[in-house]
């Protein structure tokens, strides 16, 4: 399955394989998939209110369920999609 990658520049979108996504699960390169899109959250790690380890723990895979389960605010949800 391929997922589109989101970046600051819409022209930079490309399809990401699940295998490629799985390679990005460290503090140096952390990508997550949510709602069918892939996000490079590496720069956000230090700013995440739940801490770096929360994002690294779900890095390299789809974390939509975890995102929904934690009860994020409407603001956090709107910023993520």
PDB file of N, CA and C in Angstrom:
ATOM      1  N   UNK A   1       0.850  -1.189   0.000  1.00  0.00           N
ATOM      2  CA  UNK A   1       0.000   0.000   0.000  1.00  0.00           C
ATOM      3  C   UNK A   1       0.884   1.237   0.000  1.00  0.00           C
ATOM      4  N   UNK A   2       0.521   2.213  -0.782  1.00  0.00           N
ATOM      5  CA  UNK A   2       1.267   3.464  -0.861  1.00  0.00           C
ATOM      6  C   UNK A   2       0.481   4.566  -0.165  1.00  0.00           C
ATOM      7  N   UNK A   3       1.195   5.427   0.529  1.00  0.00           N
ATOM      8  CA  UNK A   3       0.586   6.551   1.221  1.00  0.00           C
ATOM      9  C   UNK A   3       1.248   7.830   0.743  1.00  0.00           C
ATOM     10  N   UNK A   4       0.481   8.900   0.528  1.00  0.00           N
ATOM     11  CA  UNK A   4       1.105  10.161   0.122  1.00  0.00           C
ATOM     12  C   UNK A   4       1.841  10.789   1.296  1.00  0.00           C
ATOM     13  N   UNK A   5       2.975  11.378   1.014  1.00  0.00           N
ATOM     14  CA  UNK A   5       3.748  12.078   2.039  1.00  0.00           C
ATOM     15  C   UNK A   5       3.392  13.552   2.007  1.00  0.00           C
ATOM     16  N   UNK A   6       3.233  14.132   3.183  1.00  0.00           N
ATOM     17  CA  UNK A   6       2.907  15.553   3.295  1.00  0.00           C
ATOM     18  C   UNK A   6       4.167  16.300   3.681  1.00  0.00           C
ATOM     19  N   UNK A   7       4.416  17.396   3.018  1.00  0.00           N
ATOM     20  CA  UNK A   7       5.521  18.271   3.393  1.00  0.00           C
ATOM     21  C   UNK A   7       5.019  19.700   3.327  1.00  0.00           C
ATOM     22  N   UNK A   8       5.877  20.640   3.661  1.00  0.00           N
ATOM     23  CA  UNK A   8       5.489  22.050   3.646  1.00  0.00           C
ATOM     24  C   UNK A   8       5.108  22.511   2.240  1.00  0.00           C
ATOM     25  N   UNK A   9       5.683  21.893   1.252  1.00  0.00           N
ATOM     26  CA  UNK A   9       5.433  22.283  -0.129  1.00  0.00           C
ATOM     27  C   UNK A   9       4.566  21.218  -0.804  1.00  0.00           C
ATOM     28  N   UNK A  10       3.333  21.532  -1.180  1.00  0.00           N
ATOM     29  CA  UNK A  10       2.471  20.536  -1.818  1.00  0.00           C
ATOM     30  C   UNK A  10       3.100  19.876  -3.033  1.00  0.00           C
ATOM     31  N   UNK A  11       3.938  20.595  -3.751  1.00  0.00           N
ATOM     32  CA  UNK A  11       4.583  20.015  -4.933  1.00  0.00           C
ATOM     33  C   UNK A  11       5.542  18.890  -4.553  1.00  0.00           C
ATOM     34  N   UNK A  12       5.935  18.822  -3.283  1.00  0.00           N
ATOM     35  CA  UNK A  12       6.881  17.814  -2.832  1.00  0.00           C
ATOM     36  C   UNK A  12       6.197  16.507  -2.444  1.00  0.00           C
ATOM     37  N   UNK A  13       4.879  16.407  -2.576  1.00  0.00           N
ATOM     38  CA  UNK A  13       4.172  15.176  -2.221  1.00  0.00           C
ATOM     39  C   UNK A  13       4.594  14.052  -3.143  1.00  0.00           C
ATOM     40  N   UNK A  14       4.742  12.881  -2.535  1.00  0.00           N
ATOM     41  CA  UNK A  14       5.036  11.682  -3.314  1.00  0.00           C
ATOM     42  C   UNK A  14       4.496  10.488  -2.567  1.00  0.00           C
ATOM     43  N   UNK A  15       4.405   9.362  -3.217  1.00  0.00           N
ATOM     44  CA  UNK A  15       3.895   8.166  -2.558  1.00  0.00           C
ATOM     45  C   UNK A  15       5.011   7.484  -1.779  1.00  0.00           C
ATOM     46  N   UNK A  16       4.664   7.014  -0.593  1.00  0.00           N
ATOM     47  CA  UNK A  16       5.600   6.348   0.308  1.00  0.00           C
ATOM     48  C   UNK A  16       5.114   4.925   0.531  1.00  0.00           C
ATOM     49  N   UNK A  17       5.995   3.959   0.395  1.00  0.00           N
ATOM     50  CA  UNK A  17       5.612   2.578   0.687  1.00  0.00           C
ATOM     51  C   UNK A  17       5.630   2.367   2.196  1.00  0.00           C
ATOM     52  N   UNK A  18       4.916   1.353   2.649  1.00  0.00           N
ATOM     53  CA  UNK A  18       4.934   1.020   4.073  1.00  0.00           C
ATOM     54  C   UNK A  18       6.331   0.610   4.516  1.00  0.00           C
ATOM     55  N   UNK A  19       7.094  -0.036   3.622  1.00  0.00           N
ATOM     56  CA  UNK A  19       8.477  -0.412   3.950  1.00  0.00           C
ATOM     57  C   UNK A  19       9.339   0.835   4.164  1.00  0.00           C
ATOM     58  N   UNK A  20       9.164   1.839   3.308  1.00  0.00           N
ATOM     59  CA  UNK A  20       9.931   3.073   3.471  1.00  0.00           C
ATOM     60  C   UNK A  20       9.522   3.790   4.761  1.00  0.00           C
ATOM     61  N   UNK A  21       8.230   3.852   5.024  1.00  0.00           N
ATOM     62  CA  UNK A  21       7.740   4.463   6.250  1.00  0.00           C
ATOM     63  C   UNK A  21       8.363   3.794   7.471  1.00  0.00           C
ATOM     64  N   UNK A  22       8.444   2.488   7.460  1.00  0.00           N
ATOM     65  CA  UNK A  22       8.963   1.722   8.594  1.00  0.00           C
ATOM     66  C   UNK A  22      10.426   2.027   8.905  1.00  0.00           C
ATOM     67  N   UNK A  23      11.155   2.589   7.970  1.00  0.00           N
ATOM     68  CA  UNK A  23      12.566   2.919   8.181  1.00  0.00           C
ATOM     69  C   UNK A  23      12.760   4.211   8.968  1.00  0.00           C
ATOM     70  N   UNK A  24      11.694   4.941   9.217  1.00  0.00           N
ATOM     71  CA  UNK A  24      11.796   6.261   9.848  1.00  0.00           C
ATOM     72  C   UNK A  24      11.132   6.243  11.227  1.00  0.00           C
ATOM     73  N   UNK A  25      11.844   5.673  12.187  1.00  0.00           N
ATOM     74  CA  UNK A  25      11.285   5.524  13.534  1.00  0.00           C
ATOM     75  C   UNK A  25      12.322   5.843  14.618  1.00  0.00           C
ATOM     76  N   UNK A  26      13.142   6.858  14.343  1.00  0.00           N
ATOM     77  CA  UNK A  26      14.155   7.265  15.306  1.00  0.00           C
ATOM     78  C   UNK A  26      14.065   8.773  15.537  1.00  0.00           C
ATOM     79  N   UNK A  27      14.802   9.260  16.525  1.00  0.00           N
ATOM     80  CA  UNK A  27      14.827  10.699  16.788  1.00  0.00           C
ATOM     81  C   UNK A  27      15.476  11.473  15.644  1.00  0.00           C
ATOM     82  N   UNK A  28      16.314  10.826  14.864  1.00  0.00           N
ATOM     83  CA  UNK A  28      16.977  11.493  13.743  1.00  0.00           C
ATOM     84  C   UNK A  28      16.073  11.580  12.510  1.00  0.00           C
ATOM     85  N   UNK A  29      15.115  10.675  12.400  1.00  0.00           N
ATOM     86  CA  UNK A  29      14.172  10.674  11.283  1.00  0.00           C
ATOM     87  C   UNK A  29      12.913   9.936  11.719  1.00  0.00           C
ATOM     88  N   UNK A  30      11.867  10.698  11.977  1.00  0.00           N
ATOM     89  CA  UNK A  30      10.629  10.119  12.491  1.00  0.00           C
ATOM     90  C   UNK A  30       9.458  10.531  11.605  1.00  0.00           C
ATOM     91  N   UNK A  31       8.863   9.535  10.950  1.00  0.00           N
ATOM     92  CA  UNK A  31       7.693   9.756  10.120  1.00  0.00           C
ATOM     93  C   UNK A  31       6.540   8.960  10.720  1.00  0.00           C
ATOM     94  N   UNK A  32       5.356   9.495  10.624  1.00  0.00           N
ATOM     95  CA  UNK A  32       4.160   8.774  11.046  1.00  0.00           C
ATOM     96  C   UNK A  32       3.107   8.900   9.953  1.00  0.00           C
ATOM     97  N   UNK A  33       2.232   7.916   9.887  1.00  0.00           N
ATOM     98  CA  UNK A  33       1.090   7.975   8.977  1.00  0.00           C
ATOM     99  C   UNK A  33      -0.162   8.185   9.817  1.00  0.00           C
ATOM    100  N   UNK A  34      -0.974   9.137   9.381  1.00  0.00           N
ATOM    101  CA  UNK A  34      -2.262   9.393  10.029  1.00  0.00           C
ATOM    102  C   UNK A  34      -3.274   9.744   8.955  1.00  0.00           C
ATOM    103  N   UNK A  35      -4.434   9.125   9.055  1.00  0.00           N
ATOM    104  CA  UNK A  35      -5.527   9.424   8.126  1.00  0.00           C
ATOM    105  C   UNK A  35      -5.101   9.273   6.663  1.00  0.00           C
ATOM    106  N   UNK A  36      -4.225   8.302   6.395  1.00  0.00           N
ATOM    107  CA  UNK A  36      -3.817   8.023   5.024  1.00  0.00           C
ATOM    108  C   UNK A  36      -2.711   8.899   4.468  1.00  0.00           C
ATOM    109  N   UNK A  37      -2.142   9.776   5.313  1.00  0.00           N
ATOM    110  CA  UNK A  37      -1.039  10.639   4.879  1.00  0.00           C
ATOM    111  C   UNK A  37       0.188  10.377   5.739  1.00  0.00           C
ATOM    112  N   UNK A  38       1.367  10.599   5.188  1.00  0.00           N
ATOM    113  CA  UNK A  38       2.623  10.422   5.921  1.00  0.00           C
ATOM    114  C   UNK A  38       3.170  11.795   6.278  1.00  0.00           C
ATOM    115  N   UNK A  39       3.554  11.938   7.552  1.00  0.00           N
ATOM    116  CA  UNK A  39       4.103  13.196   8.054  1.00  0.00           C
ATOM    117  C   UNK A  39       5.513  12.975   8.569  1.00  0.00           C
ATOM    118  N   UNK A  40       6.425  13.830   8.184  1.00  0.00           N
ATOM    119  CA  UNK A  40       7.768  13.841   8.765  1.00  0.00           C
ATOM    120  C   UNK A  40       7.667  14.713  10.014  1.00  0.00           C
ATOM    121  N   UNK A  41       7.668  14.084  11.191  1.00  0.00           N
ATOM    122  CA  UNK A  41       7.484  14.815  12.452  1.00  0.00           C
ATOM    123  C   UNK A  41       8.806  15.039  13.184  1.00  0.00           C
ATOM    124  N   UNK A  42       9.918  14.792  12.520  1.00  0.00           N
ATOM    125  CA  UNK A  42      11.232  14.916  13.148  1.00  0.00           C
ATOM    126  C   UNK A  42      11.427  16.283  13.805  1.00  0.00           C
ATOM    127  N   UNK A  43      11.112  17.336  13.104  1.00  0.00           N
ATOM    128  CA  UNK A  43      11.308  18.686  13.646  1.00  0.00           C
ATOM    129  C   UNK A  43      10.339  18.997  14.789  1.00  0.00           C
ATOM    130  N   UNK A  44       9.254  18.273  14.895  1.00  0.00           N
ATOM    131  CA  UNK A  44       8.224  18.504  15.909  1.00  0.00           C
ATOM    132  C   UNK A  44       8.501  17.729  17.201  1.00  0.00           C
ATOM    133  N   UNK A  45       9.408  16.746  17.155  1.00  0.00           N
ATOM    134  CA  UNK A  45       9.659  15.883  18.312  1.00  0.00           C
ATOM    135  C   UNK A  45       9.896  16.664  19.590  1.00  0.00           C
ATOM    136  N   UNK A  46      10.769  17.636  19.547  1.00  0.00           N
ATOM    137  CA  UNK A  46      11.142  18.401  20.745  1.00  0.00           C
ATOM    138  C   UNK A  46       9.998  19.282  21.246  1.00  0.00           C
ATOM    139  N   UNK A  47       8.993  19.511  20.416  1.00  0.00           N
ATOM    140  CA  UNK A  47       7.893  20.407  20.770  1.00  0.00           C
ATOM    141  C   UNK A  47       6.620  19.664  21.166  1.00  0.00           C
ATOM    142  N   UNK A  48       6.605  18.358  20.964  1.00  0.00           N
ATOM    143  CA  UNK A  48       5.398  17.592  21.248  1.00  0.00           C
ATOM    144  C   UNK A  48       5.104  17.613  22.747  1.00  0.00           C
ATOM    145  N   UNK A  49       3.902  18.032  23.142  1.00  0.00           N
ATOM    146  CA  UNK A  49       3.573  18.138  24.567  1.00  0.00           C
ATOM    147  C   UNK A  49       3.728  16.822  25.333  1.00  0.00           C
ATOM    148  N   UNK A  50       3.564  15.704  24.653  1.00  0.00           N
ATOM    149  CA  UNK A  50       3.690  14.399  25.307  1.00  0.00           C
ATOM    150  C   UNK A  50       5.111  13.888  25.394  1.00  0.00           C
ATOM    151  N   UNK A  51       6.049  14.596  24.768  1.00  0.00           N
ATOM    152  CA  UNK A  51       7.446  14.197  24.800  1.00  0.00           C
ATOM    153  C   UNK A  51       7.896  13.494  23.532  1.00  0.00           C
ATOM    154  N   UNK A  52       9.192  13.474  23.362  1.00  0.00           N
ATOM    155  CA  UNK A  52       9.822  12.871  22.178  1.00  0.00           C
ATOM    156  C   UNK A  52       9.452  11.401  22.046  1.00  0.00           C
ATOM    157  N   UNK A  53       9.533  10.671  23.162  1.00  0.00           N
ATOM    158  CA  UNK A  53       9.343   9.223  23.110  1.00  0.00           C
ATOM    159  C   UNK A  53       7.954   8.817  22.629  1.00  0.00           C
ATOM    160  N   UNK A  54       6.960   9.655  22.848  1.00  0.00           N
ATOM    161  CA  UNK A  54       5.605   9.330  22.394  1.00  0.00           C
ATOM    162  C   UNK A  54       5.573   9.205  20.879  1.00  0.00           C
ATOM    163  N   UNK A  55       6.172  10.162  20.190  1.00  0.00           N
ATOM    164  CA  UNK A  55       6.182  10.108  18.725  1.00  0.00           C
ATOM    165  C   UNK A  55       7.126   9.043  18.198  1.00  0.00           C
ATOM    166  N   UNK A  56       8.276   8.885  18.828  1.00  0.00           N
ATOM    167  CA  UNK A  56       9.220   7.862  18.368  1.00  0.00           C
ATOM    168  C   UNK A  56       8.602   6.469  18.526  1.00  0.00           C
ATOM    169  N   UNK A  57       7.832   6.266  19.584  1.00  0.00           N
ATOM    170  CA  UNK A  57       7.173   4.969  19.803  1.00  0.00           C
ATOM    171  C   UNK A  57       6.206   4.605  18.684  1.00  0.00           C
ATOM    172  N   UNK A  58       5.585   5.598  18.068  1.00  0.00           N
ATOM    173  CA  UNK A  58       4.651   5.320  16.970  1.00  0.00           C
ATOM    174  C   UNK A  58       5.270   5.625  15.610  1.00  0.00           C
ATOM    175  N   UNK A  59       6.527   5.994  15.607  1.00  0.00           N
ATOM    176  CA  UNK A  59       7.220   6.314  14.359  1.00  0.00           C
ATOM    177  C   UNK A  59       7.310   5.109  13.438  1.00  0.00           C
ATOM    178  N   UNK A  60       7.300   5.395  12.159  1.00  0.00           N
ATOM    179  CA  UNK A  60       7.464   4.350  11.158  1.00  0.00           C
ATOM    180  C   UNK A  60       6.221   3.542  10.865  1.00  0.00           C
ATOM    181  N   UNK A  61       5.069   4.018  11.329  1.00  0.00           N
ATOM    182  CA  UNK A  61       3.832   3.257  11.093  1.00  0.00           C
ATOM    183  C   UNK A  61       2.622   4.178  11.179  1.00  0.00           C
ATOM    184  N   UNK A  62       1.459   3.590  10.919  1.00  0.00           N
ATOM    185  CA  UNK A  62       0.212   4.337  11.036  1.00  0.00           C
ATOM    186  C   UNK A  62      -0.137   4.483  12.515  1.00  0.00           C
ATOM    187  N   UNK A  63      -0.356   5.703  12.952  1.00  0.00           N
ATOM    188  CA  UNK A  63      -0.682   5.952  14.361  1.00  0.00           C
ATOM    189  C   UNK A  63      -2.029   6.653  14.508  1.00  0.00           C
ATOM    190  N   UNK A  64      -2.892   6.504  13.509  1.00  0.00           N
ATOM    191  CA  UNK A  64      -4.199   7.143  13.555  1.00  0.00           C
ATOM    192  C   UNK A  64      -4.983   6.712  14.798  1.00  0.00           C
ATOM    193  N   UNK A  65      -5.005   5.430  15.082  1.00  0.00           N
ATOM    194  CA  UNK A  65      -5.765   4.926  16.237  1.00  0.00           C
ATOM    195  C   UNK A  65      -5.234   5.510  17.539  1.00  0.00           C
ATOM    196  N   UNK A  66      -3.906   5.543  17.691  1.00  0.00           N
ATOM    197  CA  UNK A  66      -3.311   6.107  18.903  1.00  0.00           C
ATOM    198  C   UNK A  66      -3.640   7.585  19.030  1.00  0.00           C
ATOM    199  N   UNK A  67      -3.588   8.298  17.911  1.00  0.00           N
ATOM    200  CA  UNK A  67      -3.892   9.727  17.908  1.00  0.00           C
ATOM    201  C   UNK A  67      -5.330   9.959  18.357  1.00  0.00           C
ATOM    202  N   UNK A  68      -6.250   9.156  17.842  1.00  0.00           N
ATOM    203  CA  UNK A  68      -7.656   9.284  18.215  1.00  0.00           C
ATOM    204  C   UNK A  68      -7.888   8.868  19.666  1.00  0.00           C
ATOM    205  N   UNK A  69      -7.255   7.785  20.093  1.00  0.00           N
ATOM    206  CA  UNK A  69      -7.460   7.247  21.440  1.00  0.00           C
ATOM    207  C   UNK A  69      -7.002   8.193  22.542  1.00  0.00           C
ATOM    208  N   UNK A  70      -5.989   8.990  22.279  1.00  0.00           N
ATOM    209  CA  UNK A  70      -5.428   9.846  23.324  1.00  0.00           C
ATOM    210  C   UNK A  70      -6.330  11.046  23.620  1.00  0.00           C
ATOM    211  N   UNK A  71      -7.275  11.315  22.751  1.00  0.00           N
ATOM    212  CA  UNK A  71      -8.201  12.415  22.994  1.00  0.00           C
ATOM    213  C   UNK A  71      -7.613  13.784  22.700  1.00  0.00           C
ATOM    214  N   UNK A  72      -6.928  13.903  21.590  1.00  0.00           N
ATOM    215  CA  UNK A  72      -6.358  15.189  21.192  1.00  0.00           C
ATOM    216  C   UNK A  72      -7.467  16.237  21.020  1.00  0.00           C
ATOM    217  N   UNK A  73      -7.120  17.469  21.262  1.00  0.00           N
ATOM    218  CA  UNK A  73      -8.058  18.582  21.112  1.00  0.00           C
ATOM    219  C   UNK A  73      -8.428  18.775  19.642  1.00  0.00           C
ATOM    220  N   UNK A  74      -9.490  19.533  19.417  1.00  0.00           N
ATOM    221  CA  UNK A  74      -9.867  19.865  18.034  1.00  0.00           C
ATOM    222  C   UNK A  74      -8.742  20.603  17.335  1.00  0.00           C
ATOM    223  N   UNK A  75      -8.058  21.460  18.086  1.00  0.00           N
ATOM    224  CA  UNK A  75      -6.943  22.223  17.514  1.00  0.00           C
ATOM    225  C   UNK A  75      -5.832  21.282  17.045  1.00  0.00           C
ATOM    226  N   UNK A  76      -5.474  20.316  17.881  1.00  0.00           N
ATOM    227  CA  UNK A  76      -4.425  19.360  17.496  1.00  0.00           C
ATOM    228  C   UNK A  76      -4.869  18.552  16.290  1.00  0.00           C
ATOM    229  N   UNK A  77      -6.132  18.167  16.250  1.00  0.00           N
ATOM    230  CA  UNK A  77      -6.633  17.398  15.117  1.00  0.00           C
ATOM    231  C   UNK A  77      -6.615  18.229  13.844  1.00  0.00           C
ATOM    232  N   UNK A  78      -7.007  19.501  13.926  1.00  0.00           N
ATOM    233  CA  UNK A  78      -7.023  20.330  12.729  1.00  0.00           C
ATOM    234  C   UNK A  78      -5.615  20.626  12.227  1.00  0.00           C
ATOM    235  N   UNK A  79      -4.647  20.685  13.112  1.00  0.00           N
ATOM    236  CA  UNK A  79      -3.261  20.912  12.700  1.00  0.00           C
ATOM    237  C   UNK A  79      -2.649  19.681  12.050  1.00  0.00           C
ATOM    238  N   UNK A  80      -3.208  18.514  12.330  1.00  0.00           N
ATOM    239  CA  UNK A  80      -2.611  17.281  11.825  1.00  0.00           C
ATOM    240  C   UNK A  80      -3.137  16.871  10.459  1.00  0.00           C
ATOM    241  N   UNK A  81      -4.242  17.442  10.041  1.00  0.00           N
ATOM    242  CA  UNK A  81      -4.800  17.028   8.747  1.00  0.00           C
ATOM    243  C   UNK A  81      -4.940  18.191   7.794  1.00  0.00           C
TER     244      UNK A  81
END
